[in-house]
C-alpha atoms as a PDB file:
ATOM      1  CA  MET A   1      51.910 250.236   5.315  1.00  0.00           C
ATOM      2  CA  LYS A   2      54.792 251.934   7.280  1.00  0.00           C
ATOM      3  CA  ARG A   3      54.358 255.622   8.663  1.00  0.00           C
ATOM      4  CA  TYR A   4      57.592 256.923   8.559  1.00  0.00           C
ATOM      5  CA  THR A   5      61.783 256.655   7.158  1.00  0.00           C
ATOM      6  CA  VAL A   6      64.229 257.184   9.581  1.00  0.00           C
ATOM      7  CA  GLY A   7      67.586 258.226   8.509  1.00  0.00           C
ATOM      8  CA  ILE A   8      69.940 258.164  11.136  1.00  0.00           C
ATOM      9  CA  ASP A   9      74.052 259.686  10.667  1.00  0.00           C
ATOM     10  CA  LEU A  10      75.900 258.477  12.700  1.00  0.00           C
ATOM     11  CA  GLY A  11      79.325 260.936  12.349  1.00  0.00           C
ATOM     12  CA  THR A  12      82.025 261.187  14.134  1.00  0.00           C
ATOM     13  CA  SER A  13      81.632 264.784  15.621  1.00  0.00           C
ATOM     14  CA  ASN A  14      77.750 264.398  15.882  1.00  0.00           C
ATOM     15  CA  THR A  15      74.706 262.852  15.300  1.00  0.00           C
ATOM     16  CA  VAL A  16      71.958 263.797  12.893  1.00  0.00           C
ATOM     17  CA  VAL A  17      68.343 262.067  12.929  1.00  0.00           C
ATOM     18  CA  ALA A  18      65.969 263.063  10.156  1.00  0.00           C
ATOM     19  CA  TYR A  19      62.564 261.314   9.144  1.00  0.00           C
ATOM     20  CA  VAL A  20      60.507 261.913   6.101  1.00  0.00           C
ATOM     21  CA  GLU A  21      56.157 261.170   6.508  1.00  0.00           C
ATOM     22  CA  ALA A  22      55.636 258.270   3.802  1.00  0.00           C
ATOM     23  CA  GLY A  23      53.960 260.061   0.732  1.00  0.00           C
ATOM     24  CA  SER A  24      55.782 263.401   1.844  1.00  0.00           C
ATOM     25  CA  ASP A  25      59.110 264.669   0.214  1.00  0.00           C
ATOM     26  CA  ALA A  26      59.273 266.936   2.988  1.00  0.00           C
ATOM     27  CA  ILE A  27      62.476 266.246   4.922  1.00  0.00           C
ATOM     28  CA  ARG A  28      62.487 266.711   9.117  1.00  0.00           C
ATOM     29  CA  VAL A  29      65.205 266.853  11.153  1.00  0.00           C
ATOM     30  CA  PHE A  30      64.099 265.354  14.716  1.00  0.00           C
ATOM     31  CA  ASP A  31      65.627 267.551  17.624  1.00  0.00           C
ATOM     32  CA  VAL A  32      67.410 265.564  20.152  1.00  0.00           C
ATOM     33  CA  GLU A  33      66.707 266.747  23.457  1.00  0.00           C
ATOM     34  CA  GLN A  34      70.334 267.288  25.590  1.00  0.00           C
ATOM     35  CA  LEU A  35      72.238 268.211  28.162  1.00  0.00           C
ATOM     36  CA  VAL A  36      73.468 272.367  26.899  1.00  0.00           C
ATOM     37  CA  GLY A  37      74.174 273.486  29.958  1.00  0.00           C
ATOM     38  CA  PRO A  38      74.838 272.453  33.878  1.00  0.00           C
ATOM     39  CA  GLY A  39      71.415 271.454  34.820  1.00  0.00           C
ATOM     40  CA  ALA A  40      69.975 272.480  31.447  1.00  0.00           C
ATOM     41  CA  VAL A  41      68.148 270.109  28.534  1.00  0.00           C
ATOM     42  CA  ALA A  42      67.233 271.773  25.254  1.00  0.00           C
ATOM     43  CA  ALA A  43      65.657 270.009  22.636  1.00  0.00           C
ATOM     44  CA  GLN A  44      69.125 270.248  19.284  1.00  0.00           C
ATOM     45  CA  PRO A  45      69.270 269.390  15.329  1.00  0.00           C
ATOM     46  CA  LEU A  46      73.056 268.054  16.480  1.00  0.00           C
ATOM     47  CA  LEU A  47      73.847 265.333  19.596  1.00  0.00           C
ATOM     48  CA  PRO A  48      77.504 265.538  20.161  1.00  0.00           C
ATOM     49  CA  SER A  49      78.620 261.496  18.904  1.00  0.00           C
ATOM     50  CA  VAL A  50      80.663 260.517  21.740  1.00  0.00           C
ATOM     51  CA  ARG A  51      82.589 262.819  24.806  1.00  0.00           C
ATOM     52  CA  TYR A  52      83.955 261.404  27.952  1.00  0.00           C
ATOM     53  CA  HIS A  53      85.820 262.984  30.648  1.00  0.00           C
ATOM     54  CA  PRO A  54      88.018 260.844  32.910  1.00  0.00           C
ATOM     55  CA  ALA A  55      87.792 261.621  36.535  1.00  0.00           C
ATOM     56  CA  ALA A  56      90.487 263.372  38.368  1.00  0.00           C
ATOM     57  CA  GLY A  57      93.168 260.753  38.577  1.00  0.00           C
ATOM     58  CA  GLU A  58      91.405 257.785  36.825  1.00  0.00           C
ATOM     59  CA  LEU A  59      94.244 258.182  34.124  1.00  0.00           C
ATOM     60  CA  ALA A  60      97.904 258.807  33.874  1.00  0.00           C
ATOM     61  CA  ALA A  61      98.901 262.441  32.684  1.00  0.00           C
ATOM     62  CA  GLU A  62     101.431 260.344  29.917  1.00  0.00           C
ATOM     63  CA  ALA A  63      97.699 258.321  29.492  1.00  0.00           C
ATOM     64  CA  LEU A  64      95.861 261.730  28.073  1.00  0.00           C
ATOM     65  CA  ARG A  65      99.082 263.704  25.749  1.00  0.00           C
ATOM     66  CA  LEU A  66      98.194 263.741  22.343  1.00  0.00           C
ATOM     67  CA  PRO A  67     100.988 262.622  19.734  1.00  0.00           C
ATOM     68  CA  TRP A  68     101.657 266.008  18.737  1.00  0.00           C
ATOM     69  CA  GLN A  69     102.176 267.564  22.825  1.00  0.00           C
ATOM     70  CA  ALA A  70     105.714 267.888  23.901  1.00  0.00           C
ATOM     71  CA  ALA A  71     106.414 266.063  26.906  1.00  0.00           C
ATOM     72  CA  GLY A  72     105.256 267.123  30.291  1.00  0.00           C
ATOM     73  CA  ALA A  73     102.405 268.884  28.528  1.00  0.00           C
ATOM     74  CA  ARG A  74      98.550 268.117  29.592  1.00  0.00           C
END
């Protein structure tokens, strides 16, 4: 017999994990331990789905320009 039912929402901005024990109606959000600042870890209910920071010089400035930005802007 299963002990938990788990649901994972892989959102565009955030990911959330929720679970319920078998035989219960109480849905709980699972707090995920994550970096929340330089050298700081804390359990949070929302986990950022993706975040990438290229290293200096890894990409050309033109590659980082968004379509709505003026040429030469970054």
